[in-house]
Amino acid sequence: MITIYHNPRCSKSRAACDLITNTYNSANEATEIVEYLKQPLTVAELKELNAQLGCPVHEMIRDTEAEYKELNLADPSLTDAQLFEALAKHPILLQRPIVVRNGRAVIGRPPENVVTLFA
């Protein structure tokens, strides 16, 4: 199963979906596309996703969104728990797309990053 956390308004997210569908998913694995702005992830789901990504929580956060500045998420004293809460309450902050396959995940920026899940 391939899961893509997707924002259809994002060109990088659309490009990653296209690459998976047309190039990398030659075995026709089942694919679930989650529009995370319509179906926000819970804190527990975000923690699981973070474990699959294997990166600091901050790398999951888009620092170009207005909410990032409004919530002062650059503050180094914020805990991971606080960052997960911010992501759960403000899903626009989640990096996109994030692709999960076989228990591993990558952020598809650039979209070609997803190839590592199929190598």
C-alpha atoms as a PDB file:
ATOM      1  CA  MET A   1       0.000   0.000   0.000  1.00  0.00           C
ATOM      2  CA  ILE A   2       1.233   3.446  -0.942  1.00  0.00           C
ATOM      3  CA  THR A   3      -0.189   6.403   0.978  1.00  0.00           C
ATOM      4  CA  ILE A   4       0.230   9.927  -0.324  1.00  0.00           C
ATOM      5  CA  TYR A   5      -0.539  12.879   1.946  1.00  0.00           C
ATOM      6  CA  HIS A   6      -1.547  15.265  -0.773  1.00  0.00           C
ATOM      7  CA  ASN A   7      -2.646  18.827  -1.403  1.00  0.00           C
ATOM      8  CA  PRO A   8      -4.157  19.009  -4.904  1.00  0.00           C
ATOM      9  CA  ARG A   9      -3.436  22.755  -5.097  1.00  0.00           C
ATOM     10  CA  CYS A  10       0.312  22.135  -4.750  1.00  0.00           C
ATOM     11  CA  SER A  11       2.266  21.568  -7.968  1.00  0.00           C
ATOM     12  CA  LYS A  12       4.953  19.505  -6.169  1.00  0.00           C
ATOM     13  CA  SER A  13       2.277  17.291  -4.651  1.00  0.00           C
ATOM     14  CA  ARG A  14       0.593  16.792  -8.034  1.00  0.00           C
ATOM     15  CA  ALA A  15       3.959  16.029  -9.630  1.00  0.00           C
ATOM     16  CA  ALA A  16       4.766  13.396  -7.005  1.00  0.00           C
ATOM     17  CA  CYS A  17       1.376  11.736  -7.544  1.00  0.00           C
ATOM     18  CA  ASP A  18       1.999  11.688 -11.282  1.00  0.00           C
ATOM     19  CA  LEU A  19       5.482  10.193 -10.866  1.00  0.00           C
ATOM     20  CA  ILE A  20       4.152   7.435  -8.623  1.00  0.00           C
ATOM     21  CA  THR A  21       1.193   6.656 -10.876  1.00  0.00           C
ATOM     22  CA  ASN A  22       3.006   6.825 -14.200  1.00  0.00           C
ATOM     23  CA  THR A  23       6.586   5.812 -13.408  1.00  0.00           C
ATOM     24  CA  TYR A  24       7.377   4.215 -10.054  1.00  0.00           C
ATOM     25  CA  ASN A  25       4.297   2.126  -9.304  1.00  0.00           C
ATOM     26  CA  SER A  26       4.877  -0.430 -12.058  1.00  0.00           C
ATOM     27  CA  ALA A  27       3.507  -3.213  -9.815  1.00  0.00           C
ATOM     28  CA  ASN A  28       0.173  -1.365  -9.542  1.00  0.00           C
ATOM     29  CA  GLU A  29       0.213  -1.339  -5.743  1.00  0.00           C
ATOM     30  CA  ALA A  30      -2.909  -0.053  -4.060  1.00  0.00           C
ATOM     31  CA  THR A  31      -2.594   3.686  -3.513  1.00  0.00           C
ATOM     32  CA  GLU A  32      -4.453   5.822  -1.015  1.00  0.00           C
ATOM     33  CA  ILE A  33      -4.453   9.571  -1.488  1.00  0.00           C
ATOM     34  CA  VAL A  34      -5.182  11.482   1.702  1.00  0.00           C
ATOM     35  CA  GLU A  35      -6.106  15.125   1.257  1.00  0.00           C
ATOM     36  CA  TYR A  36      -4.808  16.110   4.661  1.00  0.00           C
ATOM     37  CA  LEU A  37      -6.391  19.574   4.549  1.00  0.00           C
ATOM     38  CA  LYS A  38      -9.813  17.885   4.386  1.00  0.00           C
ATOM     39  CA  GLN A  39      -8.825  15.001   6.696  1.00  0.00           C
ATOM     40  CA  PRO A  40      -6.323  16.449   9.173  1.00  0.00           C
ATOM     41  CA  LEU A  41      -4.000  14.005  10.879  1.00  0.00           C
ATOM     42  CA  THR A  42      -4.209  13.427  14.609  1.00  0.00           C
ATOM     43  CA  VAL A  43      -1.223  13.902  16.881  1.00  0.00           C
ATOM     44  CA  ALA A  44      -0.833  10.100  17.036  1.00  0.00           C
ATOM     45  CA  GLU A  45      -0.876   9.835  13.224  1.00  0.00           C
ATOM     46  CA  LEU A  46       1.647  12.659  12.941  1.00  0.00           C
ATOM     47  CA  LYS A  47       3.957  10.914  15.420  1.00  0.00           C
ATOM     48  CA  GLU A  48       3.747   7.684  13.422  1.00  0.00           C
ATOM     49  CA  LEU A  49       4.444   9.578  10.212  1.00  0.00           C
ATOM     50  CA  ASN A  50       7.416  11.279  11.848  1.00  0.00           C
ATOM     51  CA  ALA A  51       8.827   7.907  12.912  1.00  0.00           C
ATOM     52  CA  GLN A  52       8.487   6.665   9.327  1.00  0.00           C
ATOM     53  CA  LEU A  53      10.216   9.786   8.024  1.00  0.00           C
ATOM     54  CA  GLY A  54      12.998   9.484  10.585  1.00  0.00           C
ATOM     55  CA  CYS A  55      13.539  13.231  10.768  1.00  0.00           C
ATOM     56  CA  PRO A  56      13.195  15.997  13.347  1.00  0.00           C
ATOM     57  CA  VAL A  57       9.598  17.218  13.695  1.00  0.00           C
ATOM     58  CA  HIS A  58      10.651  20.640  12.432  1.00  0.00           C
ATOM     59  CA  GLU A  59      11.439  19.147   9.009  1.00  0.00           C
ATOM     60  CA  MET A  60       7.764  18.191   8.662  1.00  0.00           C
ATOM     61  CA  ILE A  61       6.696  21.821   9.032  1.00  0.00           C
ATOM     62  CA  ARG A  62       6.360  24.353   6.227  1.00  0.00           C
ATOM     63  CA  ASP A  63       8.082  27.485   7.510  1.00  0.00           C
ATOM     64  CA  THR A  64       6.743  29.623   4.655  1.00  0.00           C
ATOM     65  CA  GLU A  65       3.134  29.586   5.867  1.00  0.00           C
ATOM     66  CA  ALA A  66       1.742  32.584   7.758  1.00  0.00           C
ATOM     67  CA  GLU A  67       0.718  30.281  10.629  1.00  0.00           C
ATOM     68  CA  TYR A  68       4.369  29.375  11.174  1.00  0.00           C
ATOM     69  CA  LYS A  69       5.201  32.964  12.077  1.00  0.00           C
ATOM     70  CA  GLU A  70       1.914  33.616  13.897  1.00  0.00           C
ATOM     71  CA  LEU A  71       2.471  30.603  16.152  1.00  0.00           C
ATOM     72  CA  ASN A  72       6.178  31.413  16.617  1.00  0.00           C
ATOM     73  CA  LEU A  73       7.127  27.873  15.613  1.00  0.00           C
ATOM     74  CA  ALA A  74      10.756  28.885  15.070  1.00  0.00           C
ATOM     75  CA  ASP A  75      11.099  29.168  18.856  1.00  0.00           C
ATOM     76  CA  PRO A  76      13.787  26.611  19.760  1.00  0.00           C
ATOM     77  CA  SER A  77      12.242  26.067  23.193  1.00  0.00           C
ATOM     78  CA  LEU A  78       9.126  24.426  21.704  1.00  0.00           C
ATOM     79  CA  THR A  79       8.849  20.721  22.405  1.00  0.00           C
ATOM     80  CA  ASP A  80       8.053  18.051  19.847  1.00  0.00           C
ATOM     81  CA  ALA A  81       4.666  17.658  21.538  1.00  0.00           C
ATOM     82  CA  GLN A  82       3.917  21.344  20.957  1.00  0.00           C
ATOM     83  CA  LEU A  83       4.984  21.077  17.312  1.00  0.00           C
ATOM     84  CA  PHE A  84       2.785  18.010  16.761  1.00  0.00           C
ATOM     85  CA  GLU A  85      -0.159  19.884  18.321  1.00  0.00           C
ATOM     86  CA  ALA A  86       0.428  22.827  15.982  1.00  0.00           C
ATOM     87  CA  LEU A  87       0.504  20.485  12.969  1.00  0.00           C
ATOM     88  CA  ALA A  88      -2.696  18.767  14.088  1.00  0.00           C
ATOM     89  CA  LYS A  89      -4.515  22.075  14.579  1.00  0.00           C
ATOM     90  CA  HIS A  90      -3.078  23.747  11.457  1.00  0.00           C
ATOM     91  CA  PRO A  91      -2.686  21.070   8.770  1.00  0.00           C
ATOM     92  CA  ILE A  92      -1.591  23.684   6.212  1.00  0.00           C
ATOM     93  CA  LEU A  93       1.763  23.584   8.029  1.00  0.00           C
ATOM     94  CA  LEU A  94       2.483  19.974   7.022  1.00  0.00           C
ATOM     95  CA  GLN A  95       5.125  19.524   4.332  1.00  0.00           C
ATOM     96  CA  ARG A  96       3.682  18.145   1.133  1.00  0.00           C
ATOM     97  CA  PRO A  97       3.513  15.694  -0.309  1.00  0.00           C
ATOM     98  CA  ILE A  98       4.542  12.946   2.080  1.00  0.00           C
ATOM     99  CA  VAL A  99       4.590   9.458   0.598  1.00  0.00           C
ATOM    100  CA  VAL A 100       4.554   6.290   2.707  1.00  0.00           C
ATOM    101  CA  ARG A 101       5.389   2.804   1.464  1.00  0.00           C
ATOM    102  CA  ASN A 102       6.440  -0.349   3.338  1.00  0.00           C
ATOM    103  CA  GLY A 103       6.783   1.473   6.671  1.00  0.00           C
ATOM    104  CA  ARG A 104       9.052   4.188   5.276  1.00  0.00           C
ATOM    105  CA  ALA A 105       8.180   7.731   4.275  1.00  0.00           C
ATOM    106  CA  VAL A 106       9.722  10.618   2.361  1.00  0.00           C
ATOM    107  CA  ILE A 107       8.828  14.228   1.797  1.00  0.00           C
ATOM    108  CA  GLY A 108       8.338  14.649  -1.951  1.00  0.00           C
ATOM    109  CA  ARG A 109      10.110  17.975  -2.305  1.00  0.00           C
ATOM    110  CA  PRO A 110      11.403  17.695  -4.919  1.00  0.00           C
ATOM    111  CA  PRO A 111       8.970  15.097  -6.259  1.00  0.00           C
ATOM    112  CA  GLU A 112      11.857  12.872  -7.386  1.00  0.00           C
ATOM    113  CA  ASN A 113      12.589  12.122  -3.700  1.00  0.00           C
ATOM    114  CA  VAL A 114       9.858   9.473  -3.832  1.00  0.00           C
ATOM    115  CA  VAL A 115      12.089   7.213  -5.957  1.00  0.00           C
ATOM    116  CA  THR A 116      13.896   6.141  -2.771  1.00  0.00           C
ATOM    117  CA  LEU A 117      10.746   4.275  -1.679  1.00  0.00           C
ATOM    118  CA  PHE A 118      10.777   2.218  -4.882  1.00  0.00           C
ATOM    119  CA  ALA A 119      14.506   1.454  -5.157  1.00  0.00           C
END
